[in-house]
Amino acid sequence: MANLHYLFTQFNEELKITKSKKDNLMTSKENLRKRIRDYFFKNHPTYKPRFYIQGSYKLKLIIRTKDDTCDLDDGVYFEENPDNVTSTTLQGWVKNAVEGTTDSKVEHRKKCITVDYKAGYNIDLPVLVFNSEVDDHPNLAVKNLGFQEDDPKEFVEKFNTVKSEQMVRIIKYLKAWCDHKRENMPSGLSMTVLTMDNYVPNTRDDVALKFLLIEIENVLKRSFKCVMPTTPKDDLFKNFSEVKKKNFMDNLSKFIKDAKDAIEEKNKKTASLLWKKHLGDRFPEGKDEDEVIEDSARLVSTIGASKPYFKL
């Protein structure tokens, strides 16, 4: 019954971006904002950009990937679209503004402009039009598809009403799992929504993660959906192919089995290696020693009385 909560908190520290990378990320963000302001002032003066950090950085869910990279979402907001240009054109103007940024590559993606830095991070620039006096929600520019309602700030506010310190850590572990497995795994946003819907607190991170994985599997077996709780309230799994769905569910099933075995295992090293299979090499290895159980009644109340330790 190895208690590896302490290893999970160490892992959480390992997932944090370094101070130097964070400083570089903030400097690059400010440089991009200046370039965008200057470009629109010179070339399209009726368009006045404003900015709002959103996504994982705003939610404090940012992690270093196993390749030592990270990203930042910095929304570019315009109150009006006076020339009534298309979504693709408006995105293109933002792309023009940041082209030529030192040591970077710029890509025009479906829902953002991405500036990729060789220093090991990228900055995504979603482009939105939002007049708070007229619009209920911002309208996101989508390449070749026009403008679609989307409200990142609304999601941040929703998340802040339900989050806890443990929930934040658990989401980061799930993001690290998806990063470790990589191919055909869900986005960090999807894992955040699934956690918001299914997380149950526990005194131990390892047990809380196990319970969450089981409940996510239960929910997805009933209905394979992951619906945003805020605008646009779309299903993040809508476009999952059968191959991608099967890959995720297979990985989830394997993770659950090893999570259960790890919780039941007495030896700390053996238990940690089970977690390591799914969370990657950065997950710390426990000592080759057995857990000393002093209060069996309290242990049962924490991890569950027997397999599978949770309603199936």
Protein backbone atom coordinates (compact mmCIF):
# COMPACT_ATOMS: atom_id res chain seq x y z
CA MET A 1 0.00 0.00 0.00
CA ALA A 2 2.81 2.39 -0.93
CA ASN A 3 1.99 6.06 -0.34
CA LEU A 4 3.70 7.95 -3.18
CA HIS A 5 2.05 11.31 -2.61
CA TYR A 6 5.50 12.77 -1.90
CA LEU A 7 6.81 11.56 -5.26
CA PHE A 8 3.89 13.17 -7.06
CA THR A 9 4.59 16.52 -5.42
CA GLN A 10 8.22 16.17 -6.53
CA PHE A 11 6.98 15.39 -10.03
CA ASN A 12 4.84 18.52 -9.93
CA GLU A 13 7.97 20.57 -9.27
CA GLU A 14 9.74 18.83 -12.15
CA LEU A 15 6.94 19.86 -14.53
CA LYS A 16 7.34 23.56 -13.79
CA ILE A 17 9.05 25.77 -16.34
CA THR A 18 12.34 27.29 -15.25
CA LYS A 19 12.56 30.93 -14.19
CA SER A 20 14.85 31.73 -17.12
CA LYS A 21 12.39 30.21 -19.62
CA LYS A 22 9.48 32.03 -18.00
CA ASP A 23 11.41 35.32 -18.19
CA ASN A 24 12.22 34.71 -21.86
CA LEU A 25 8.61 33.82 -22.56
CA MET A 26 7.38 37.06 -20.99
CA THR A 27 9.97 39.13 -22.86
CA SER A 28 8.97 37.53 -26.16
CA LYS A 29 5.29 38.13 -25.40
CA GLU A 30 5.91 41.84 -24.83
CA ASN A 31 8.01 42.08 -27.99
CA LEU A 32 5.21 40.49 -30.03
CA ARG A 33 2.63 42.83 -28.52
CA LYS A 34 4.74 45.83 -29.48
CA ARG A 35 5.21 44.57 -33.03
CA ILE A 36 1.45 44.03 -33.40
CA ARG A 37 0.59 47.46 -32.00
CA ASP A 38 3.14 49.15 -34.26
CA TYR A 39 2.01 47.24 -37.36
CA PHE A 40 -1.67 48.09 -36.94
CA PHE A 41 -0.93 51.72 -36.03
CA LYS A 42 1.01 52.06 -39.29
CA ASN A 43 -1.01 49.88 -41.66
CA HIS A 44 -4.55 49.60 -40.25
CA PRO A 45 -4.98 52.46 -37.76
CA THR A 46 -8.71 51.86 -37.27
CA TYR A 47 -7.85 48.46 -35.76
CA LYS A 48 -6.61 48.86 -32.20
CA PRO A 49 -5.32 45.59 -30.70
CA ARG A 50 -5.70 44.68 -27.03
CA PHE A 51 -4.30 41.58 -25.40
CA TYR A 52 -5.35 38.96 -22.87
CA ILE A 53 -3.23 36.02 -21.69
CA GLN A 54 -5.38 32.90 -21.72
CA GLY A 55 -5.04 29.13 -21.77
CA SER A 56 -2.80 27.01 -19.55
CA TYR A 57 -0.52 29.86 -18.47
CA LYS A 58 -3.47 31.90 -17.20
CA LEU A 59 -4.91 28.84 -15.44
CA LYS A 60 -1.49 27.99 -13.91
CA LEU A 61 -1.58 24.64 -15.71
CA ILE A 62 1.46 25.17 -17.92
CA ILE A 63 3.99 22.32 -17.95
CA ARG A 64 7.38 21.65 -19.44
CA THR A 65 7.00 18.89 -22.00
CA LYS A 66 9.41 15.97 -22.09
CA ASP A 67 11.22 17.88 -24.86
CA ASP A 68 11.64 20.82 -22.45
CA THR A 69 9.22 23.06 -24.36
CA CYS A 70 6.17 25.06 -23.28
CA ASP A 71 3.67 27.47 -24.80
CA LEU A 72 1.70 30.61 -24.07
CA ASP A 73 -1.67 31.74 -25.47
CA ASP A 74 -1.91 35.52 -25.86
CA GLY A 75 -5.24 36.58 -27.30
CA VAL A 76 -5.24 39.50 -29.75
CA TYR A 77 -8.55 41.35 -29.39
CA PHE A 78 -10.10 44.00 -31.62
CA GLU A 79 -13.17 45.91 -30.54
CA GLU A 80 -14.33 46.42 -34.11
CA ASN A 81 -13.79 45.06 -37.60
CA PRO A 82 -14.41 48.36 -39.46
CA ASP A 83 -13.29 47.10 -42.88
CA ASN A 84 -15.34 43.92 -42.45
CA VAL A 85 -12.38 41.77 -43.49
CA THR A 86 -12.55 37.99 -43.38
CA SER A 87 -11.27 35.98 -40.44
CA THR A 88 -8.39 34.72 -42.56
CA THR A 89 -7.39 38.25 -43.57
CA LEU A 90 -7.42 39.50 -39.99
CA GLN A 91 -5.31 36.55 -38.89
CA GLY A 92 -3.01 37.26 -41.83
CA TRP A 93 -2.48 40.82 -40.69
CA VAL A 94 -1.41 39.59 -37.26
CA LYS A 95 0.91 37.11 -38.99
CA ASN A 96 2.40 39.95 -41.05
CA ALA A 97 2.96 41.91 -37.86
CA VAL A 98 5.07 39.21 -36.22
CA GLU A 99 6.91 37.95 -39.31
CA GLY A 100 10.65 38.40 -39.02
CA THR A 101 10.72 38.08 -35.25
CA THR A 102 14.27 37.17 -34.28
CA ASP A 103 15.03 33.45 -33.98
CA SER A 104 11.48 32.32 -34.67
CA LYS A 105 9.19 30.60 -37.16
CA VAL A 106 5.67 31.88 -37.79
CA GLU A 107 2.79 29.58 -38.77
CA HIS A 108 -0.80 30.42 -39.76
CA ARG A 109 -2.86 27.73 -38.04
CA LYS A 110 -6.61 27.20 -38.02
CA LYS A 111 -7.37 29.14 -34.83
CA CYS A 112 -4.21 31.12 -34.16
CA ILE A 113 -0.93 32.46 -35.40
CA THR A 114 1.93 30.51 -33.80
CA VAL A 115 5.38 31.97 -33.25
CA ASP A 116 7.81 29.13 -32.58
CA TYR A 117 11.09 30.04 -30.85
CA LYS A 118 14.28 28.01 -31.02
CA ALA A 119 14.74 28.66 -27.30
CA GLY A 120 12.15 25.95 -26.62
CA TYR A 121 8.76 27.62 -26.45
CA ASN A 122 6.02 28.95 -28.69
CA ILE A 123 3.46 31.72 -28.40
CA ASP A 124 0.00 31.22 -29.89
CA LEU A 125 -1.89 34.33 -30.95
CA PRO A 126 -5.63 33.65 -31.35
CA VAL A 127 -7.38 36.62 -32.99
CA LEU A 128 -10.77 37.74 -31.69
CA VAL A 129 -13.28 40.54 -32.31
CA PHE A 130 -15.23 41.64 -29.26
CA ASN A 131 -17.29 44.72 -28.55
CA SER A 132 -18.52 44.28 -24.98
CA GLU A 133 -21.31 46.80 -25.52
CA VAL A 134 -22.78 44.79 -28.39
CA ASP A 135 -21.51 41.23 -28.21
CA ASP A 136 -22.30 38.67 -25.51
CA HIS A 137 -19.07 36.82 -26.29
CA PRO A 138 -15.93 37.32 -28.39
CA ASN A 139 -15.80 36.02 -31.95
CA LEU A 140 -12.73 33.95 -32.76
CA ALA A 141 -11.18 34.20 -36.21
CA VAL A 142 -10.96 30.71 -37.73
CA LYS A 143 -8.92 30.25 -40.91
CA ASN A 144 -11.19 29.91 -43.96
CA LEU A 145 -14.28 29.40 -41.76
CA GLY A 146 -15.19 32.89 -40.60
CA PHE A 147 -15.75 34.01 -37.02
CA GLN A 148 -17.06 31.70 -34.29
CA GLU A 149 -18.19 32.53 -30.76
CA ASP A 150 -15.52 31.64 -28.23
CA ASP A 151 -14.95 32.98 -24.72
CA PRO A 152 -11.57 32.09 -23.15
CA LYS A 153 -12.08 34.56 -20.32
CA GLU A 154 -15.39 32.94 -19.41
CA PHE A 155 -13.62 29.60 -19.15
CA VAL A 156 -10.91 31.06 -16.91
CA GLU A 157 -13.59 32.47 -14.61
CA LYS A 158 -15.42 29.12 -14.54
CA PHE A 159 -12.24 27.20 -13.76
CA ASN A 160 -11.34 29.56 -10.94
CA THR A 161 -14.67 28.83 -9.22
CA VAL A 162 -13.97 25.08 -8.99
CA LYS A 163 -10.20 24.72 -8.84
CA SER A 164 -8.13 23.63 -5.87
CA GLU A 165 -4.39 23.27 -5.49
CA GLN A 166 -4.69 19.50 -5.80
CA MET A 167 -6.90 19.75 -8.88
CA VAL A 168 -4.29 21.93 -10.57
CA ARG A 169 -1.59 19.35 -9.82
CA ILE A 170 -3.76 16.47 -11.05
CA ILE A 171 -4.44 18.21 -14.37
CA LYS A 172 -0.71 18.75 -14.82
CA TYR A 173 -0.11 15.03 -14.24
CA LEU A 174 -2.71 14.21 -16.90
CA LYS A 175 -1.11 16.64 -19.32
CA ALA A 176 2.26 15.01 -18.65
CA TRP A 177 0.68 11.61 -19.37
CA CYS A 178 -0.69 12.83 -22.70
CA ASP A 179 2.66 14.43 -23.50
CA HIS A 180 4.49 11.19 -22.68
CA LYS A 181 2.17 9.09 -24.87
CA ARG A 182 1.89 11.83 -27.53
CA GLU A 183 0.22 10.35 -30.61
CA ASN A 184 -3.59 10.50 -30.73
CA MET A 185 -3.93 11.72 -27.14
CA PRO A 186 -6.37 14.49 -26.12
CA SER A 187 -5.44 18.13 -25.67
CA GLY A 188 -4.62 19.71 -22.35
CA LEU A 189 -7.93 21.58 -22.54
CA SER A 190 -9.81 18.29 -22.86
CA MET A 191 -8.07 16.85 -19.81
CA THR A 192 -8.85 20.03 -17.89
CA VAL A 193 -12.56 19.80 -18.69
CA LEU A 194 -12.69 16.09 -17.84
CA THR A 195 -11.02 16.81 -14.51
CA MET A 196 -13.40 19.67 -13.71
CA ASP A 197 -16.32 17.32 -14.29
CA ASN A 198 -15.01 14.22 -12.48
CA TYR A 199 -12.39 15.11 -9.88
CA VAL A 200 -12.90 14.08 -6.23
CA PRO A 201 -10.39 15.41 -3.68
CA ASN A 202 -8.25 13.08 -1.59
CA THR A 203 -5.47 13.55 0.94
CA ARG A 204 -3.13 11.79 -1.52
CA ASP A 205 -2.42 12.83 -5.11
CA ASP A 206 -1.79 9.24 -6.25
CA VAL A 207 -5.17 8.10 -4.97
CA ALA A 208 -7.00 11.16 -6.31
CA LEU A 209 -5.49 10.54 -9.74
CA LYS A 210 -6.50 6.88 -9.69
CA PHE A 211 -10.10 7.72 -8.76
CA LEU A 212 -10.24 10.38 -11.46
CA LEU A 213 -8.95 8.03 -14.18
CA ILE A 214 -11.58 5.43 -13.27
CA GLU A 215 -14.40 7.93 -13.30
CA ILE A 216 -13.26 9.42 -16.63
CA GLU A 217 -13.35 5.93 -18.13
CA ASN A 218 -16.83 5.31 -16.68
CA VAL A 219 -18.15 8.56 -18.15
CA LEU A 220 -16.57 8.09 -21.58
CA LYS A 221 -17.81 4.51 -21.86
CA ARG A 222 -21.34 5.82 -21.40
CA SER A 223 -20.89 8.68 -23.84
CA PHE A 224 -17.63 9.59 -25.56
CA LYS A 225 -17.94 13.35 -25.20
CA CYS A 226 -16.03 16.21 -23.62
CA VAL A 227 -18.26 19.28 -23.69
CA MET A 228 -16.92 22.72 -22.89
CA PRO A 229 -18.76 24.19 -19.88
CA THR A 230 -18.52 27.68 -21.39
CA THR A 231 -18.99 29.33 -24.79
CA PRO A 232 -19.01 27.82 -27.38
CA LYS A 233 -20.04 24.71 -25.35
CA ASP A 234 -18.74 22.46 -28.11
CA ASP A 235 -17.73 18.81 -27.85
CA LEU A 236 -13.92 18.68 -27.83
CA PHE A 237 -14.06 15.00 -28.88
CA LYS A 238 -16.45 15.59 -31.79
CA ASN A 239 -13.81 15.08 -34.48
CA PHE A 240 -12.03 12.13 -32.85
CA SER A 241 -11.59 9.29 -35.33
CA GLU A 242 -12.26 5.73 -34.20
CA VAL A 243 -8.50 5.14 -34.23
CA LYS A 244 -7.85 8.13 -31.98
CA LYS A 245 -10.72 7.20 -29.67
CA LYS A 246 -9.48 3.60 -29.34
CA ASN A 247 -5.91 4.74 -28.71
CA PHE A 248 -7.00 7.04 -25.88
CA MET A 249 -9.34 4.53 -24.27
CA ASP A 250 -6.70 1.77 -24.49
CA ASN A 251 -4.09 4.03 -22.87
CA LEU A 252 -6.61 5.03 -20.21
CA SER A 253 -7.44 1.39 -19.41
CA LYS A 254 -3.75 0.49 -19.07
CA PHE A 255 -3.12 3.52 -16.86
CA ILE A 256 -6.02 2.56 -14.57
CA LYS A 257 -4.75 -1.01 -14.18
CA ASP A 258 -1.26 0.14 -13.22
CA ALA A 259 -2.61 2.89 -10.97
CA LYS A 260 -4.61 0.31 -9.02
CA ASP A 261 -1.63 -2.02 -8.82
CA ALA A 262 0.63 0.83 -7.71
CA ILE A 263 -1.73 1.79 -4.89
CA GLU A 264 -1.91 -1.85 -3.74
CA GLU A 265 1.85 -2.43 -4.03
CA LYS A 266 3.80 -2.23 -0.77
CA ASN A 267 7.24 -1.62 -2.27
CA LYS A 268 7.80 2.06 -3.08
CA LYS A 269 10.22 1.45 -5.93
CA THR A 270 7.98 -1.11 -7.62
CA ALA A 271 4.97 1.18 -7.26
CA SER A 272 6.85 4.18 -8.64
CA LEU A 273 7.92 2.20 -11.72
CA LEU A 274 4.27 1.47 -12.48
CA TRP A 275 3.48 5.20 -12.43
CA LYS A 276 6.64 5.92 -14.42
CA LYS A 277 5.37 3.76 -17.32
CA HIS A 278 2.62 6.31 -17.92
CA LEU A 279 4.05 9.60 -16.67
CA GLY A 280 7.51 9.26 -18.20
CA ASP A 281 11.12 9.26 -17.04
CA ARG A 282 10.75 12.51 -15.13
CA PHE A 283 8.56 10.80 -12.55
CA PRO A 284 10.90 10.07 -9.61
CA GLU A 285 11.80 6.56 -8.52
CA GLY A 286 10.91 5.50 -4.99
CA LYS A 287 13.24 3.81 -2.52
CA ASP A 288 13.46 0.04 -2.60
CA GLU A 289 11.59 -0.35 0.67
CA ASP A 290 8.13 -1.36 1.82
CA GLU A 291 5.53 1.07 3.13
CA VAL A 292 5.05 0.89 6.90
CA ILE A 293 1.31 0.81 7.61
CA GLU A 294 0.45 2.21 11.03
CA ASP A 295 -3.29 2.81 10.73
CA SER A 296 -5.03 0.27 8.49
CA ALA A 297 -8.51 1.71 9.10
CA ARG A 298 -7.42 5.16 7.96
CA LEU A 299 -5.67 3.63 4.94
CA VAL A 300 -8.86 1.86 3.84
CA SER A 301 -10.83 5.10 4.11
CA THR A 302 -8.25 6.79 1.88
CA ILE A 303 -7.66 4.25 -0.89
CA GLY A 304 -10.87 2.17 -0.75
CA ALA A 305 -11.69 -1.15 0.81
CA SER A 306 -10.86 -3.44 -2.09
CA LYS A 307 -10.40 -3.59 -5.85
CA PRO A 308 -11.36 -1.63 -7.86
CA TYR A 309 -11.57 0.90 -5.00
CA PHE A 310 -14.25 2.83 -6.85
CA LYS A 311 -17.69 2.42 -8.38
CA LEU A 312 -17.55 0.81 -11.83
